[in-house]
């Protein structure tokens, strides 16, 4: 009986992985693109950062919406949580694009609100799904990383400013806007790599033996 239950669980996990693995890959795309734009751009103004965040959040929200509707169980709590996360992300995208002219305060407010709400949702989603979903660890890790983004934004003084020069061999001013846009880029780069690894791991995890010993199609 125990072997039968374990085999059924393995087959169910493989089925879920086969349906869901493209979602992390799709989530990696906007994160990677915006991270690259930030890395190679000389413009680190808060308004520009807010526009880039809005573009990322718009695609991220649509991917989550698709994942929640089409790739997760219809009757699962994880599906409802993912859809709520998608709605919050899309609202953050609208806010980011609409408020890009309001400078650093708007940038901090929108990103922190997004990170706290979606990070808490994804973290709780992962913790609830432990031992029930093959994606629990991914959700838990991603939620924790997103909450760390909120912490990083909150601990950076909005009035931070330091004149560059001397040993840096660079002239100019390093201010809070540059630091925070850089932190957003770092967050997006990390999440892009994480999502790609997670998605490919789930794709490879679909090659699981069926209960009768034959490989799954």
C-alpha atoms as a PDB file:
ATOM      1  CA  UNK A   1       0.000   0.000   0.000  1.00  0.00           C
ATOM      2  CA  UNK A   2       2.792   2.409   0.913  1.00  0.00           C
ATOM      3  CA  UNK A   3       4.602   1.757  -2.376  1.00  0.00           C
ATOM      4  CA  UNK A   4       1.381   2.373  -4.283  1.00  0.00           C
ATOM      5  CA  UNK A   5       0.835   5.706  -2.522  1.00  0.00           C
ATOM      6  CA  UNK A   6       4.443   6.760  -3.136  1.00  0.00           C
ATOM      7  CA  UNK A   7       4.198   5.842  -6.819  1.00  0.00           C
ATOM      8  CA  UNK A   8       0.944   7.763  -7.195  1.00  0.00           C
ATOM      9  CA  UNK A   9       2.505  10.800  -5.527  1.00  0.00           C
ATOM     10  CA  UNK A  10       5.535  10.600  -7.821  1.00  0.00           C
ATOM     11  CA  UNK A  11       3.348  10.409 -10.916  1.00  0.00           C
ATOM     12  CA  UNK A  12       1.218  13.325  -9.682  1.00  0.00           C
ATOM     13  CA  UNK A  13       4.343  15.428  -9.029  1.00  0.00           C
ATOM     14  CA  UNK A  14       5.666  14.651 -12.499  1.00  0.00           C
ATOM     15  CA  UNK A  15       2.331  15.631 -14.030  1.00  0.00           C
ATOM     16  CA  UNK A  16       2.334  18.942 -12.158  1.00  0.00           C
ATOM     17  CA  UNK A  17       5.931  19.636 -13.163  1.00  0.00           C
ATOM     18  CA  UNK A  18       5.148  18.899 -16.819  1.00  0.00           C
ATOM     19  CA  UNK A  19       2.318  21.461 -16.777  1.00  0.00           C
ATOM     20  CA  UNK A  20       3.993  24.178 -14.726  1.00  0.00           C
ATOM     21  CA  UNK A  21       7.682  24.196 -15.682  1.00  0.00           C
ATOM     22  CA  UNK A  22       7.320  26.856 -18.438  1.00  0.00           C
ATOM     23  CA  UNK A  23       5.994  29.405 -15.924  1.00  0.00           C
ATOM     24  CA  UNK A  24       9.316  29.968 -14.084  1.00  0.00           C
ATOM     25  CA  UNK A  25      11.068  30.258 -17.463  1.00  0.00           C
ATOM     26  CA  UNK A  26       8.541  32.872 -18.600  1.00  0.00           C
ATOM     27  CA  UNK A  27       8.945  34.733 -15.289  1.00  0.00           C
ATOM     28  CA  UNK A  28      12.706  34.844 -15.895  1.00  0.00           C
ATOM     29  CA  UNK A  29      12.358  36.677 -19.227  1.00  0.00           C
ATOM     30  CA  UNK A  30      11.137  40.138 -18.063  1.00  0.00           C
ATOM     31  CA  UNK A  31      13.413  39.990 -15.015  1.00  0.00           C
ATOM     32  CA  UNK A  32      16.469  39.252 -17.163  1.00  0.00           C
ATOM     33  CA  UNK A  33      15.633  41.894 -19.783  1.00  0.00           C
ATOM     34  CA  UNK A  34      15.074  44.685 -17.252  1.00  0.00           C
ATOM     35  CA  UNK A  35      18.153  43.641 -15.251  1.00  0.00           C
ATOM     36  CA  UNK A  36      20.258  43.943 -18.416  1.00  0.00           C
ATOM     37  CA  UNK A  37      18.755  47.331 -19.265  1.00  0.00           C
ATOM     38  CA  UNK A  38      19.583  48.620 -15.783  1.00  0.00           C
ATOM     39  CA  UNK A  39      23.095  47.178 -15.909  1.00  0.00           C
ATOM     40  CA  UNK A  40      24.020  48.821 -19.199  1.00  0.00           C
ATOM     41  CA  UNK A  41      22.094  52.068 -18.753  1.00  0.00           C
ATOM     42  CA  UNK A  42      23.725  55.250 -17.481  1.00  0.00           C
ATOM     43  CA  UNK A  43      20.316  56.534 -16.360  1.00  0.00           C
ATOM     44  CA  UNK A  44      19.626  55.479 -12.775  1.00  0.00           C
ATOM     45  CA  UNK A  45      17.041  58.149 -11.993  1.00  0.00           C
ATOM     46  CA  UNK A  46      14.123  57.090  -9.811  1.00  0.00           C
ATOM     47  CA  UNK A  47      11.560  57.883 -12.508  1.00  0.00           C
ATOM     48  CA  UNK A  48      13.371  55.743 -15.056  1.00  0.00           C
ATOM     49  CA  UNK A  49      13.695  52.960 -12.504  1.00  0.00           C
ATOM     50  CA  UNK A  50       9.973  53.148 -11.841  1.00  0.00           C
ATOM     51  CA  UNK A  51       9.206  52.873 -15.564  1.00  0.00           C
ATOM     52  CA  UNK A  52      11.448  49.829 -15.881  1.00  0.00           C
ATOM     53  CA  UNK A  53       9.865  48.288 -12.791  1.00  0.00           C
ATOM     54  CA  UNK A  54       6.417  48.915 -14.285  1.00  0.00           C
ATOM     55  CA  UNK A  55       7.398  47.141 -17.510  1.00  0.00           C
ATOM     56  CA  UNK A  56       8.761  44.177 -15.547  1.00  0.00           C
ATOM     57  CA  UNK A  57       5.701  43.984 -13.287  1.00  0.00           C
ATOM     58  CA  UNK A  58       3.313  44.139 -16.248  1.00  0.00           C
ATOM     59  CA  UNK A  59       4.811  41.066 -17.931  1.00  0.00           C
ATOM     60  CA  UNK A  60       5.355  39.293 -14.602  1.00  0.00           C
ATOM     61  CA  UNK A  61       1.719  39.838 -13.656  1.00  0.00           C
ATOM     62  CA  UNK A  62       0.466  38.488 -16.986  1.00  0.00           C
ATOM     63  CA  UNK A  63       2.668  35.395 -16.658  1.00  0.00           C
ATOM     64  CA  UNK A  64       1.379  34.764 -13.128  1.00  0.00           C
ATOM     65  CA  UNK A  65      -2.189  35.248 -14.337  1.00  0.00           C
ATOM     66  CA  UNK A  66      -1.659  32.689 -17.081  1.00  0.00           C
ATOM     67  CA  UNK A  67       0.041  30.294 -14.667  1.00  0.00           C
ATOM     68  CA  UNK A  68      -2.728  30.587 -12.097  1.00  0.00           C
ATOM     69  CA  UNK A  69      -5.510  30.074 -14.636  1.00  0.00           C
ATOM     70  CA  UNK A  70      -4.019  27.461 -16.929  1.00  0.00           C
ATOM     71  CA  UNK A  71      -1.199  25.664 -15.133  1.00  0.00           C
ATOM     72  CA  UNK A  72      -2.226  25.113 -11.502  1.00  0.00           C
ATOM     73  CA  UNK A  73      -5.034  22.898 -10.113  1.00  0.00           C
ATOM     74  CA  UNK A  74      -8.432  24.583 -10.443  1.00  0.00           C
ATOM     75  CA  UNK A  75      -9.454  23.797  -6.877  1.00  0.00           C
ATOM     76  CA  UNK A  76      -6.143  24.522  -5.153  1.00  0.00           C
ATOM     77  CA  UNK A  77      -5.328  27.298  -2.699  1.00  0.00           C
ATOM     78  CA  UNK A  78      -2.053  27.806  -4.536  1.00  0.00           C
ATOM     79  CA  UNK A  79      -4.032  28.776  -7.635  1.00  0.00           C
ATOM     80  CA  UNK A  80      -5.984  31.431  -5.738  1.00  0.00           C
ATOM     81  CA  UNK A  81      -2.801  32.778  -4.154  1.00  0.00           C
ATOM     82  CA  UNK A  82      -1.066  32.970  -7.521  1.00  0.00           C
ATOM     83  CA  UNK A  83      -4.021  34.844  -9.036  1.00  0.00           C
ATOM     84  CA  UNK A  84      -4.017  37.308  -6.133  1.00  0.00           C
ATOM     85  CA  UNK A  85      -0.277  37.785  -6.582  1.00  0.00           C
ATOM     86  CA  UNK A  86      -0.876  38.412 -10.287  1.00  0.00           C
ATOM     87  CA  UNK A  87      -3.486  41.090  -9.580  1.00  0.00           C
ATOM     88  CA  UNK A  88      -1.216  42.873  -7.079  1.00  0.00           C
ATOM     89  CA  UNK A  89       1.685  42.737  -9.528  1.00  0.00           C
ATOM     90  CA  UNK A  90      -0.431  44.202 -12.331  1.00  0.00           C
ATOM     91  CA  UNK A  91      -1.635  46.990 -10.028  1.00  0.00           C
ATOM     92  CA  UNK A  92       2.006  47.699  -9.126  1.00  0.00           C
ATOM     93  CA  UNK A  93       2.793  47.871 -12.850  1.00  0.00           C
ATOM     94  CA  UNK A  94       0.051  50.448 -13.412  1.00  0.00           C
ATOM     95  CA  UNK A  95       1.232  52.452 -10.394  1.00  0.00           C
ATOM     96  CA  UNK A  96       4.850  52.328 -11.529  1.00  0.00           C
ATOM     97  CA  UNK A  97       4.068  53.598 -15.009  1.00  0.00           C
ATOM     98  CA  UNK A  98       1.556  56.221 -13.827  1.00  0.00           C
ATOM     99  CA  UNK A  99       3.719  57.606 -10.995  1.00  0.00           C
ATOM    100  CA  UNK A 100       7.106  57.681 -12.715  1.00  0.00           C
ATOM    101  CA  UNK A 101       7.122  61.480 -12.608  1.00  0.00           C
ATOM    102  CA  UNK A 102       6.880  61.624  -8.811  1.00  0.00           C
ATOM    103  CA  UNK A 103      10.515  60.755  -8.151  1.00  0.00           C
ATOM    104  CA  UNK A 104      12.183  58.796  -5.401  1.00  0.00           C
ATOM    105  CA  UNK A 105       9.285  58.679  -2.872  1.00  0.00           C
ATOM    106  CA  UNK A 106       7.010  57.061  -5.480  1.00  0.00           C
ATOM    107  CA  UNK A 107       9.750  54.624  -6.529  1.00  0.00           C
ATOM    108  CA  UNK A 108      10.323  53.472  -2.964  1.00  0.00           C
ATOM    109  CA  UNK A 109       6.605  53.261  -2.130  1.00  0.00           C
ATOM    110  CA  UNK A 110       5.608  51.255  -5.201  1.00  0.00           C
ATOM    111  CA  UNK A 111       8.512  48.799  -5.069  1.00  0.00           C
ATOM    112  CA  UNK A 112       8.228  48.249  -1.303  1.00  0.00           C
ATOM    113  CA  UNK A 113       4.459  47.717  -1.495  1.00  0.00           C
ATOM    114  CA  UNK A 114       4.937  45.231  -4.340  1.00  0.00           C
ATOM    115  CA  UNK A 115       7.758  43.392  -2.566  1.00  0.00           C
ATOM    116  CA  UNK A 116       5.997  43.141   0.803  1.00  0.00           C
ATOM    117  CA  UNK A 117       2.637  41.996  -0.575  1.00  0.00           C
ATOM    118  CA  UNK A 118       3.804  39.596  -3.274  1.00  0.00           C
ATOM    119  CA  UNK A 119       6.760  38.348  -1.234  1.00  0.00           C
ATOM    120  CA  UNK A 120       4.543  37.526   1.744  1.00  0.00           C
ATOM    121  CA  UNK A 121       2.000  35.812  -0.511  1.00  0.00           C
ATOM    122  CA  UNK A 122       4.580  33.676  -2.304  1.00  0.00           C
ATOM    123  CA  UNK A 123       6.389  32.802   0.921  1.00  0.00           C
ATOM    124  CA  UNK A 124       3.162  31.735   2.648  1.00  0.00           C
ATOM    125  CA  UNK A 125       2.140  29.836  -0.485  1.00  0.00           C
ATOM    126  CA  UNK A 126       5.351  27.843  -0.357  1.00  0.00           C
ATOM    127  CA  UNK A 127       5.138  27.156   3.372  1.00  0.00           C
ATOM    128  CA  UNK A 128       1.541  25.913   3.064  1.00  0.00           C
ATOM    129  CA  UNK A 129       2.422  23.673   0.129  1.00  0.00           C
ATOM    130  CA  UNK A 130       5.288  21.840   1.845  1.00  0.00           C
ATOM    131  CA  UNK A 131       5.076  18.064   1.221  1.00  0.00           C
ATOM    132  CA  UNK A 132       2.110  18.680  -1.096  1.00  0.00           C
ATOM    133  CA  UNK A 133       3.577  20.467  -4.098  1.00  0.00           C
ATOM    134  CA  UNK A 134       6.851  20.083  -5.999  1.00  0.00           C
ATOM    135  CA  UNK A 135       6.965  23.892  -6.264  1.00  0.00           C
ATOM    136  CA  UNK A 136       6.837  24.636  -2.527  1.00  0.00           C
ATOM    137  CA  UNK A 137      10.569  25.249  -2.177  1.00  0.00           C
ATOM    138  CA  UNK A 138      10.617  27.543  -5.212  1.00  0.00           C
ATOM    139  CA  UNK A 139       7.742  29.649  -3.875  1.00  0.00           C
ATOM    140  CA  UNK A 140       9.286  29.848  -0.410  1.00  0.00           C
ATOM    141  CA  UNK A 141      12.684  30.912  -1.741  1.00  0.00           C
ATOM    142  CA  UNK A 142      11.242  33.437  -4.197  1.00  0.00           C
ATOM    143  CA  UNK A 143       9.003  34.938  -1.517  1.00  0.00           C
ATOM    144  CA  UNK A 144      11.951  35.342   0.843  1.00  0.00           C
ATOM    145  CA  UNK A 145      14.098  36.986  -1.867  1.00  0.00           C
ATOM    146  CA  UNK A 146      11.308  39.435  -2.705  1.00  0.00           C
ATOM    147  CA  UNK A 147      10.840  40.352   0.958  1.00  0.00           C
ATOM    148  CA  UNK A 148      14.589  41.001   1.153  1.00  0.00           C
ATOM    149  CA  UNK A 149      14.156  43.495  -1.672  1.00  0.00           C
ATOM    150  CA  UNK A 150      11.662  45.396   0.497  1.00  0.00           C
ATOM    151  CA  UNK A 151      14.087  45.342   3.425  1.00  0.00           C
ATOM    152  CA  UNK A 152      16.939  46.619   1.234  1.00  0.00           C
ATOM    153  CA  UNK A 153      14.802  49.522   0.003  1.00  0.00           C
ATOM    154  CA  UNK A 154      13.633  50.389   3.513  1.00  0.00           C
ATOM    155  CA  UNK A 155      17.111  50.441   5.063  1.00  0.00           C
ATOM    156  CA  UNK A 156      18.581  52.653   2.327  1.00  0.00           C
ATOM    157  CA  UNK A 157      18.304  56.293   3.506  1.00  0.00           C
ATOM    158  CA  UNK A 158      16.343  58.332   0.913  1.00  0.00           C
ATOM    159  CA  UNK A 159      18.719  61.252   1.454  1.00  0.00           C
ATOM    160  CA  UNK A 160      21.864  59.163   0.985  1.00  0.00           C
ATOM    161  CA  UNK A 161      24.491  60.982  -1.059  1.00  0.00           C
ATOM    162  CA  UNK A 162      28.231  60.502  -1.372  1.00  0.00           C
ATOM    163  CA  UNK A 163      30.673  62.339  -3.583  1.00  0.00           C
ATOM    164  CA  UNK A 164      32.793  59.968  -5.633  1.00  0.00           C
ATOM    165  CA  UNK A 165      36.469  60.503  -6.234  1.00  0.00           C
ATOM    166  CA  UNK A 166      39.850  59.634  -4.767  1.00  0.00           C
ATOM    167  CA  UNK A 167      40.528  55.891  -4.833  1.00  0.00           C
ATOM    168  CA  UNK A 168      37.400  55.222  -6.952  1.00  0.00           C
ATOM    169  CA  UNK A 169      38.938  57.172  -9.853  1.00  0.00           C
ATOM    170  CA  UNK A 170      35.364  58.180 -10.728  1.00  0.00           C
ATOM    171  CA  UNK A 171      33.767  61.577 -10.486  1.00  0.00           C
ATOM    172  CA  UNK A 172      30.143  62.244  -9.636  1.00  0.00           C
ATOM    173  CA  UNK A 173      27.662  61.611  -6.845  1.00  0.00           C
ATOM    174  CA  UNK A 174      26.347  58.296  -5.611  1.00  0.00           C
ATOM    175  CA  UNK A 175      22.846  58.931  -4.277  1.00  0.00           C
ATOM    176  CA  UNK A 176      19.868  56.909  -3.079  1.00  0.00           C
ATOM    177  CA  UNK A 177      18.291  56.779  -6.527  1.00  0.00           C
ATOM    178  CA  UNK A 178      21.366  55.167  -8.076  1.00  0.00           C
ATOM    179  CA  UNK A 179      21.665  52.701  -5.195  1.00  0.00           C
ATOM    180  CA  UNK A 180      17.988  51.677  -5.285  1.00  0.00           C
ATOM    181  CA  UNK A 181      17.785  51.281  -9.047  1.00  0.00           C
ATOM    182  CA  UNK A 182      20.939  49.164  -8.783  1.00  0.00           C
ATOM    183  CA  UNK A 183      19.343  47.061  -6.047  1.00  0.00           C
ATOM    184  CA  UNK A 184      16.292  46.512  -8.236  1.00  0.00           C
ATOM    185  CA  UNK A 185      18.551  45.374 -11.064  1.00  0.00           C
ATOM    186  CA  UNK A 186      20.409  42.984  -8.757  1.00  0.00           C
ATOM    187  CA  UNK A 187      17.120  41.555  -7.474  1.00  0.00           C
ATOM    188  CA  UNK A 188      15.873  40.988 -11.027  1.00  0.00           C
ATOM    189  CA  UNK A 189      19.142  39.348 -12.099  1.00  0.00           C
ATOM    190  CA  UNK A 190      19.044  36.962  -9.134  1.00  0.00           C
ATOM    191  CA  UNK A 191      15.398  36.053  -9.692  1.00  0.00           C
ATOM    192  CA  UNK A 192      15.968  35.513 -13.419  1.00  0.00           C
ATOM    193  CA  UNK A 193      18.737  32.986 -12.741  1.00  0.00           C
ATOM    194  CA  UNK A 194      16.677  31.324 -10.012  1.00  0.00           C
ATOM    195  CA  UNK A 195      13.599  30.980 -12.245  1.00  0.00           C
ATOM    196  CA  UNK A 196      15.601  29.472 -15.108  1.00  0.00           C
ATOM    197  CA  UNK A 197      17.190  26.891 -12.798  1.00  0.00           C
ATOM    198  CA  UNK A 198      13.818  26.092 -11.215  1.00  0.00           C
ATOM    199  CA  UNK A 199      12.025  25.768 -14.544  1.00  0.00           C
ATOM    200  CA  UNK A 200      14.646  23.497 -16.083  1.00  0.00           C
ATOM    201  CA  UNK A 201      14.800  21.400 -12.896  1.00  0.00           C
ATOM    202  CA  UNK A 202      11.046  20.803 -13.092  1.00  0.00           C
ATOM    203  CA  UNK A 203      11.249  19.997 -16.798  1.00  0.00           C
ATOM    204  CA  UNK A 204      13.931  17.392 -16.157  1.00  0.00           C
ATOM    205  CA  UNK A 205      11.922  16.171 -13.157  1.00  0.00           C
ATOM    206  CA  UNK A 206       9.098  15.019 -15.427  1.00  0.00           C
ATOM    207  CA  UNK A 207      11.107  11.980 -16.508  1.00  0.00           C
ATOM    208  CA  UNK A 208       9.838   9.878 -13.602  1.00  0.00           C
ATOM    209  CA  UNK A 209       9.008   6.150 -13.701  1.00  0.00           C
ATOM    210  CA  UNK A 210       5.318   5.260 -13.694  1.00  0.00           C
ATOM    211  CA  UNK A 211       3.832   2.856 -11.104  1.00  0.00           C
ATOM    212  CA  UNK A 212       4.118  -0.142 -13.457  1.00  0.00           C
ATOM    213  CA  UNK A 213       7.786   0.585 -14.036  1.00  0.00           C
ATOM    214  CA  UNK A 214       7.330   2.020 -17.511  1.00  0.00           C
ATOM    215  CA  UNK A 215       8.582   5.558 -18.115  1.00  0.00           C
ATOM    216  CA  UNK A 216       6.102   8.370 -18.332  1.00  0.00           C
ATOM    217  CA  UNK A 217       5.439   9.672 -21.815  1.00  0.00           C
END
